[in-house]
Amino acid sequence: HPAEALWIPASEDAVDHRFVIHGGVYVAG
């Protein structure tokens, strides 16, 4: 099993975690 994971935000979670959503791409600084 992978020992690491990549968390990908969904809908409101993305905004709550300071992601900007544009054209289906989530961007964060």
PDB file of all heavy atoms in Angstrom:
ATOM      1  N   HIS A   1       0.848  -1.193   0.000  1.00  0.00           N
ATOM      2  CA  HIS A   1       0.000   0.000   0.000  1.00  0.00           C
ATOM      3  C   HIS A   1       0.882   1.241   0.000  1.00  0.00           C
ATOM      4  O   HIS A   1       1.949   1.241   0.619  1.00  0.00           O
ATOM      5  CB  HIS A   1      -0.887   0.048   1.250  1.00  0.00           C
ATOM      6  CG  HIS A   1      -1.783  -1.126   1.397  1.00  0.00           C
ATOM      7  ND1 HIS A   1      -2.957  -1.254   0.709  1.00  0.00           N
ATOM      8  CD2 HIS A   1      -1.675  -2.246   2.149  1.00  0.00           C
ATOM      9  CE1 HIS A   1      -3.536  -2.393   1.038  1.00  0.00           C
ATOM     10  NE2 HIS A   1      -2.772  -3.015   1.906  1.00  0.00           N
ATOM     11  N   PRO A   2       0.441   2.316  -0.644  1.00  0.00           N
ATOM     12  CA  PRO A   2       1.210   3.573  -0.567  1.00  0.00           C
ATOM     13  C   PRO A   2       1.244   4.069   0.881  1.00  0.00           C
ATOM     14  O   PRO A   2       0.252   4.009   1.593  1.00  0.00           O
ATOM     15  CB  PRO A   2       0.426   4.549  -1.445  1.00  0.00           C
ATOM     16  CG  PRO A   2      -0.524   3.726  -2.237  1.00  0.00           C
ATOM     17  CD  PRO A   2      -0.731   2.445  -1.502  1.00  0.00           C
ATOM     18  N   ALA A   3       2.399   4.542   1.327  1.00  0.00           N
ATOM     19  CA  ALA A   3       2.542   5.075   2.681  1.00  0.00           C
ATOM     20  C   ALA A   3       2.229   6.573   2.698  1.00  0.00           C
ATOM     21  O   ALA A   3       2.210   7.185   3.754  1.00  0.00           O
ATOM     22  CB  ALA A   3       3.952   4.816   3.201  1.00  0.00           C
ATOM     23  N   GLU A   4       2.005   7.153   1.538  1.00  0.00           N
ATOM     24  CA  GLU A   4       1.714   8.575   1.429  1.00  0.00           C
ATOM     25  C   GLU A   4       0.400   8.748   0.688  1.00  0.00           C
ATOM     26  O   GLU A   4      -0.002   7.881  -0.069  1.00  0.00           O
ATOM     27  CB  GLU A   4       2.817   9.292   0.655  1.00  0.00           C
ATOM     28  CG  GLU A   4       4.186   9.143   1.277  1.00  0.00           C
ATOM     29  CD  GLU A   4       5.275   9.696   0.377  1.00  0.00           C
ATOM     30  OE1 GLU A   4       4.974  10.108  -0.753  1.00  0.00           O
ATOM     31  OE2 GLU A   4       6.419   9.699   0.807  1.00  0.00           O
ATOM     32  N   ALA A   5      -0.247   9.867   0.912  1.00  0.00           N
ATOM     33  CA  ALA A   5      -1.500  10.143   0.213  1.00  0.00           C
ATOM     34  C   ALA A   5      -1.550  11.606  -0.163  1.00  0.00           C
ATOM     35  O   ALA A   5      -0.929  12.448   0.489  1.00  0.00           O
ATOM     36  CB  ALA A   5      -2.678   9.794   1.101  1.00  0.00           C
ATOM     37  N   LEU A   6      -2.281  11.914  -1.200  1.00  0.00           N
ATOM     38  CA  LEU A   6      -2.491  13.290  -1.618  1.00  0.00           C
ATOM     39  C   LEU A   6      -3.947  13.625  -1.369  1.00  0.00           C
ATOM     40  O   LEU A   6      -4.843  12.978  -1.918  1.00  0.00           O
ATOM     41  CB  LEU A   6      -2.160  13.449  -3.111  1.00  0.00           C
ATOM     42  CG  LEU A   6      -2.390  14.822  -3.710  1.00  0.00           C
ATOM     43  CD1 LEU A   6      -1.458  15.846  -3.048  1.00  0.00           C
ATOM     44  CD2 LEU A   6      -2.153  14.795  -5.200  1.00  0.00           C
ATOM     45  N   TRP A   7      -4.187  14.592  -0.485  1.00  0.00           N
ATOM     46  CA  TRP A   7      -5.553  14.999  -0.178  1.00  0.00           C
ATOM     47  C   TRP A   7      -6.004  15.983  -1.234  1.00  0.00           C
ATOM     48  O   TRP A   7      -5.325  16.959  -1.524  1.00  0.00           O
ATOM     49  CB  TRP A   7      -5.599  15.648   1.206  1.00  0.00           C
ATOM     50  CG  TRP A   7      -6.938  16.222   1.532  1.00  0.00           C
ATOM     51  CD1 TRP A   7      -8.055  15.533   1.898  1.00  0.00           C
ATOM     52  CD2 TRP A   7      -7.297  17.605   1.510  1.00  0.00           C
ATOM     53  NE1 TRP A   7      -9.083  16.413   2.111  1.00  0.00           N
ATOM     54  CE2 TRP A   7      -8.648  17.693   1.881  1.00  0.00           C
ATOM     55  CE3 TRP A   7      -6.612  18.766   1.205  1.00  0.00           C
ATOM     56  CZ2 TRP A   7      -9.320  18.894   1.968  1.00  0.00           C
ATOM     57  CZ3 TRP A   7      -7.284  19.969   1.298  1.00  0.00           C
ATOM     58  CH2 TRP A   7      -8.622  20.021   1.682  1.00  0.00           C
ATOM     59  N   ILE A   8      -7.146  15.696  -1.837  1.00  0.00           N
ATOM     60  CA  ILE A   8      -7.711  16.588  -2.845  1.00  0.00           C
ATOM     61  C   ILE A   8      -9.031  17.115  -2.296  1.00  0.00           C
ATOM     62  O   ILE A   8      -9.933  16.335  -1.985  1.00  0.00           O
ATOM     63  CB  ILE A   8      -7.932  15.857  -4.178  1.00  0.00           C
ATOM     64  CG1 ILE A   8      -6.593  15.319  -4.686  1.00  0.00           C
ATOM     65  CG2 ILE A   8      -8.582  16.773  -5.196  1.00  0.00           C
ATOM     66  CD1 ILE A   8      -6.703  14.465  -5.910  1.00  0.00           C
ATOM     67  N   PRO A   9      -9.150  18.423  -2.140  1.00  0.00           N
ATOM     68  CA  PRO A   9     -10.362  18.991  -1.560  1.00  0.00           C
ATOM     69  C   PRO A   9     -11.561  18.856  -2.494  1.00  0.00           C
ATOM     70  O   PRO A   9     -11.410  18.743  -3.699  1.00  0.00           O
ATOM     71  CB  PRO A   9      -9.999  20.461  -1.362  1.00  0.00           C
ATOM     72  CG  PRO A   9      -8.966  20.729  -2.394  1.00  0.00           C
ATOM     73  CD  PRO A   9      -8.207  19.450  -2.554  1.00  0.00           C
ATOM     74  N   ALA A  10     -12.751  18.882  -1.907  1.00  0.00           N
ATOM     75  CA  ALA A  10     -13.988  18.830  -2.684  1.00  0.00           C
ATOM     76  C   ALA A  10     -14.875  20.015  -2.308  1.00  0.00           C
ATOM     77  O   ALA A  10     -14.985  20.357  -1.128  1.00  0.00           O
ATOM     78  CB  ALA A  10     -14.724  17.525  -2.406  1.00  0.00           C
ATOM     79  N   SER A  11     -15.479  20.623  -3.271  1.00  0.00           N
ATOM     80  CA  SER A  11     -16.425  21.753  -3.163  1.00  0.00           C
ATOM     81  C   SER A  11     -16.055  22.758  -2.069  1.00  0.00           C
ATOM     82  O   SER A  11     -15.052  23.431  -2.174  1.00  0.00           O
ATOM     83  CB  SER A  11     -17.843  21.237  -3.007  1.00  0.00           C
ATOM     84  OG  SER A  11     -17.975  20.459  -1.843  1.00  0.00           O
ATOM     85  N   GLU A  12     -16.878  22.866  -1.013  1.00  0.00           N
ATOM     86  CA  GLU A  12     -16.632  23.881   0.012  1.00  0.00           C
ATOM     87  C   GLU A  12     -15.325  23.656   0.770  1.00  0.00           C
ATOM     88  O   GLU A  12     -14.732  24.591   1.284  1.00  0.00           O
ATOM     89  CB  GLU A  12     -17.791  23.950   1.012  1.00  0.00           C
ATOM     90  CG  GLU A  12     -19.058  24.546   0.449  1.00  0.00           C
ATOM     91  CD  GLU A  12     -20.074  23.464   0.109  1.00  0.00           C
ATOM     92  OE1 GLU A  12     -20.051  22.405   0.753  1.00  0.00           O
ATOM     93  OE2 GLU A  12     -20.858  23.678  -0.816  1.00  0.00           O
ATOM     94  N   ASP A  13     -14.879  22.402   0.873  1.00  0.00           N
ATOM     95  CA  ASP A  13     -13.603  22.122   1.540  1.00  0.00           C
ATOM     96  C   ASP A  13     -12.459  22.864   0.869  1.00  0.00           C
ATOM     97  O   ASP A  13     -11.534  23.319   1.527  1.00  0.00           O
ATOM     98  CB  ASP A  13     -13.290  20.621   1.527  1.00  0.00           C
ATOM     99  CG  ASP A  13     -14.038  19.853   2.587  1.00  0.00           C
ATOM    100  OD1 ASP A  13     -14.602  20.485   3.501  1.00  0.00           O
ATOM    101  OD2 ASP A  13     -14.060  18.616   2.504  1.00  0.00           O
ATOM    102  N   ALA A  14     -12.513  22.975  -0.439  1.00  0.00           N
ATOM    103  CA  ALA A  14     -11.447  23.650  -1.187  1.00  0.00           C
ATOM    104  C   ALA A  14     -11.350  25.111  -0.770  1.00  0.00           C
ATOM    105  O   ALA A  14     -10.264  25.620  -0.486  1.00  0.00           O
ATOM    106  CB  ALA A  14     -11.697  23.541  -2.686  1.00  0.00           C
ATOM    107  N   VAL A  15     -12.460  25.792  -0.717  1.00  0.00           N
ATOM    108  CA  VAL A  15     -12.475  27.204  -0.332  1.00  0.00           C
ATOM    109  C   VAL A  15     -12.067  27.366   1.133  1.00  0.00           C
ATOM    110  O   VAL A  15     -11.290  28.253   1.483  1.00  0.00           O
ATOM    111  CB  VAL A  15     -13.876  27.814  -0.578  1.00  0.00           C
ATOM    112  CG1 VAL A  15     -13.939  29.250  -0.086  1.00  0.00           C
ATOM    113  CG2 VAL A  15     -14.220  27.754  -2.054  1.00  0.00           C
ATOM    114  N   ASP A  16     -12.555  26.484   2.008  1.00  0.00           N
ATOM    115  CA  ASP A  16     -12.198  26.546   3.432  1.00  0.00           C
ATOM    116  C   ASP A  16     -10.701  26.361   3.657  1.00  0.00           C
ATOM    117  O   ASP A  16     -10.151  26.850   4.627  1.00  0.00           O
ATOM    118  CB  ASP A  16     -12.952  25.474   4.228  1.00  0.00           C
ATOM    119  CG  ASP A  16     -14.449  25.749   4.295  1.00  0.00           C
ATOM    120  OD1 ASP A  16     -14.866  26.894   3.988  1.00  0.00           O
ATOM    121  OD2 ASP A  16     -15.205  24.817   4.636  1.00  0.00           O
ATOM    122  N   HIS A  17     -10.031  25.648   2.750  1.00  0.00           N
ATOM    123  CA  HIS A  17      -8.590  25.402   2.882  1.00  0.00           C
ATOM    124  C   HIS A  17      -7.769  26.272   1.928  1.00  0.00           C
ATOM    125  O   HIS A  17      -6.639  25.955   1.591  1.00  0.00           O
ATOM    126  CB  HIS A  17      -8.287  23.920   2.668  1.00  0.00           C
ATOM    127  CG  HIS A  17      -8.780  23.072   3.795  1.00  0.00           C
ATOM    128  ND1 HIS A  17     -10.034  22.517   3.801  1.00  0.00           N
ATOM    129  CD2 HIS A  17      -8.205  22.737   4.970  1.00  0.00           C
ATOM    130  CE1 HIS A  17     -10.205  21.848   4.938  1.00  0.00           C
ATOM    131  NE2 HIS A  17      -9.106  21.974   5.657  1.00  0.00           N
ATOM    132  N   ARG A  18      -8.356  27.384   1.499  1.00  0.00           N
ATOM    133  CA  ARG A  18      -7.695  28.433   0.724  1.00  0.00           C
ATOM    134  C   ARG A  18      -7.252  28.016  -0.673  1.00  0.00           C
ATOM    135  O   ARG A  18      -6.242  28.483  -1.178  1.00  0.00           O
ATOM    136  CB  ARG A  18      -6.537  29.022   1.507  1.00  0.00           C
ATOM    137  CG  ARG A  18      -7.002  29.639   2.807  1.00  0.00           C
ATOM    138  CD  ARG A  18      -5.887  30.289   3.525  1.00  0.00           C
ATOM    139  NE  ARG A  18      -6.398  30.848   4.776  1.00  0.00           N
ATOM    140  CZ  ARG A  18      -5.651  31.355   5.697  1.00  0.00           C
ATOM    141  NH1 ARG A  18      -4.354  31.401   5.539  1.00  0.00           N
ATOM    142  NH2 ARG A  18      -6.171  31.834   6.793  1.00  0.00           N
ATOM    143  N   PHE A  19      -8.003  27.130  -1.301  1.00  0.00           N
ATOM    144  CA  PHE A  19      -7.775  26.815  -2.697  1.00  0.00           C
ATOM    145  C   PHE A  19      -8.616  27.749  -3.554  1.00  0.00           C
ATOM    146  O   PHE A  19      -9.718  28.127  -3.169  1.00  0.00           O
ATOM    147  CB  PHE A  19      -8.182  25.373  -3.024  1.00  0.00           C
ATOM    148  CG  PHE A  19      -7.141  24.346  -2.674  1.00  0.00           C
ATOM    149  CD1 PHE A  19      -7.018  23.882  -1.375  1.00  0.00           C
ATOM    150  CD2 PHE A  19      -6.295  23.837  -3.645  1.00  0.00           C
ATOM    151  CE1 PHE A  19      -6.072  22.930  -1.058  1.00  0.00           C
ATOM    152  CE2 PHE A  19      -5.346  22.886  -3.328  1.00  0.00           C
ATOM    153  CZ  PHE A  19      -5.232  22.436  -2.030  1.00  0.00           C
ATOM    154  N   VAL A  20      -8.126  28.117  -4.700  1.00  0.00           N
ATOM    155  CA  VAL A  20      -8.887  28.861  -5.692  1.00  0.00           C
ATOM    156  C   VAL A  20      -9.252  27.857  -6.777  1.00  0.00           C
ATOM    157  O   VAL A  20      -8.394  27.107  -7.243  1.00  0.00           O
ATOM    158  CB  VAL A  20      -8.049  30.011  -6.290  1.00  0.00           C
ATOM    159  CG1 VAL A  20      -8.804  30.693  -7.410  1.00  0.00           C
ATOM    160  CG2 VAL A  20      -7.662  30.999  -5.212  1.00  0.00           C
ATOM    161  N   ILE A  21     -10.530  27.815  -7.171  1.00  0.00           N
ATOM    162  CA  ILE A  21     -10.969  26.862  -8.186  1.00  0.00           C
ATOM    163  C   ILE A  21     -11.241  27.628  -9.472  1.00  0.00           C
ATOM    164  O   ILE A  21     -11.988  28.597  -9.485  1.00  0.00           O
ATOM    165  CB  ILE A  21     -12.249  26.140  -7.742  1.00  0.00           C
ATOM    166  CG1 ILE A  21     -12.059  25.507  -6.369  1.00  0.00           C
ATOM    167  CG2 ILE A  21     -12.654  25.083  -8.767  1.00  0.00           C
ATOM    168  CD1 ILE A  21     -13.342  25.055  -5.719  1.00  0.00           C
ATOM    169  N   HIS A  22     -10.592  27.193 -10.544  1.00  0.00           N
ATOM    170  CA  HIS A  22     -10.784  27.848 -11.840  1.00  0.00           C
ATOM    171  C   HIS A  22     -10.806  26.792 -12.932  1.00  0.00           C
ATOM    172  O   HIS A  22      -9.810  26.099 -13.154  1.00  0.00           O
ATOM    173  CB  HIS A  22      -9.672  28.855 -12.113  1.00  0.00           C
ATOM    174  CG  HIS A  22      -9.818  29.549 -13.430  1.00  0.00           C
ATOM    175  ND1 HIS A  22     -10.791  30.498 -13.657  1.00  0.00           N
ATOM    176  CD2 HIS A  22      -9.152  29.396 -14.585  1.00  0.00           C
ATOM    177  CE1 HIS A  22     -10.691  30.920 -14.911  1.00  0.00           C
ATOM    178  NE2 HIS A  22      -9.698  30.262 -15.494  1.00  0.00           N
ATOM    179  N   GLY A  23     -11.943  26.640 -13.596  1.00  0.00           N
ATOM    180  CA  GLY A  23     -12.053  25.678 -14.694  1.00  0.00           C
ATOM    181  C   GLY A  23     -11.765  24.252 -14.288  1.00  0.00           C
ATOM    182  O   GLY A  23     -11.192  23.498 -15.064  1.00  0.00           O
ATOM    183  N   GLY A  24     -12.118  23.864 -13.067  1.00  0.00           N
ATOM    184  CA  GLY A  24     -11.884  22.504 -12.609  1.00  0.00           C
ATOM    185  C   GLY A  24     -10.490  22.254 -12.058  1.00  0.00           C
ATOM    186  O   GLY A  24     -10.166  21.152 -11.659  1.00  0.00           O
ATOM    187  N   VAL A  25      -9.641  23.283 -12.020  1.00  0.00           N
ATOM    188  CA  VAL A  25      -8.294  23.155 -11.462  1.00  0.00           C
ATOM    189  C   VAL A  25      -8.274  23.843 -10.100  1.00  0.00           C
ATOM    190  O   VAL A  25      -8.756  24.962  -9.947  1.00  0.00           O
ATOM    191  CB  VAL A  25      -7.236  23.795 -12.391  1.00  0.00           C
ATOM    192  CG1 VAL A  25      -5.860  23.751 -11.758  1.00  0.00           C
ATOM    193  CG2 VAL A  25      -7.218  23.103 -13.732  1.00  0.00           C
ATOM    194  N   TYR A  26      -7.748  23.160  -9.101  1.00  0.00           N
ATOM    195  CA  TYR A  26      -7.627  23.699  -7.756  1.00  0.00           C
ATOM    196  C   TYR A  26      -6.209  24.236  -7.588  1.00  0.00           C
ATOM    197  O   TYR A  26      -5.244  23.515  -7.809  1.00  0.00           O
ATOM    198  CB  TYR A  26      -7.870  22.601  -6.718  1.00  0.00           C
ATOM    199  CG  TYR A  26      -9.287  22.073  -6.704  1.00  0.00           C
ATOM    200  CD1 TYR A  26      -9.802  21.337  -7.762  1.00  0.00           C
ATOM    201  CD2 TYR A  26     -10.108  22.304  -5.612  1.00  0.00           C
ATOM    202  CE1 TYR A  26     -11.092  20.851  -7.747  1.00  0.00           C
ATOM    203  CE2 TYR A  26     -11.405  21.813  -5.583  1.00  0.00           C
ATOM    204  CZ  TYR A  26     -11.887  21.090  -6.649  1.00  0.00           C
ATOM    205  OH  TYR A  26     -13.169  20.616  -6.632  1.00  0.00           O
ATOM    206  N   VAL A  27      -6.068  25.494  -7.186  1.00  0.00           N
ATOM    207  CA  VAL A  27      -4.752  26.123  -7.052  1.00  0.00           C
ATOM    208  C   VAL A  27      -4.625  26.684  -5.642  1.00  0.00           C
ATOM    209  O   VAL A  27      -5.552  27.309  -5.128  1.00  0.00           O
ATOM    210  CB  VAL A  27      -4.562  27.263  -8.079  1.00  0.00           C
ATOM    211  CG1 VAL A  27      -3.197  27.904  -7.927  1.00  0.00           C
ATOM    212  CG2 VAL A  27      -4.777  26.763  -9.493  1.00  0.00           C
ATOM    213  N   ALA A  28      -3.467  26.463  -5.021  1.00  0.00           N
ATOM    214  CA  ALA A  28      -3.200  27.020  -3.691  1.00  0.00           C
ATOM    215  C   ALA A  28      -1.752  27.472  -3.619  1.00  0.00           C
ATOM    216  O   ALA A  28      -0.875  26.914  -4.270  1.00  0.00           O
ATOM    217  CB  ALA A  28      -3.459  25.984  -2.607  1.00  0.00           C
ATOM    218  N   GLY A  29      -1.493  28.499  -2.818  1.00  0.00           N
ATOM    219  CA  GLY A  29      -0.139  28.973  -2.582  1.00  0.00           C
ATOM    220  C   GLY A  29       0.470  28.261  -1.392  1.00  0.00           C
ATOM    221  O   GLY A  29      -0.227  27.900  -0.450  1.00  0.00           O
TER     222      GLY A  29
END
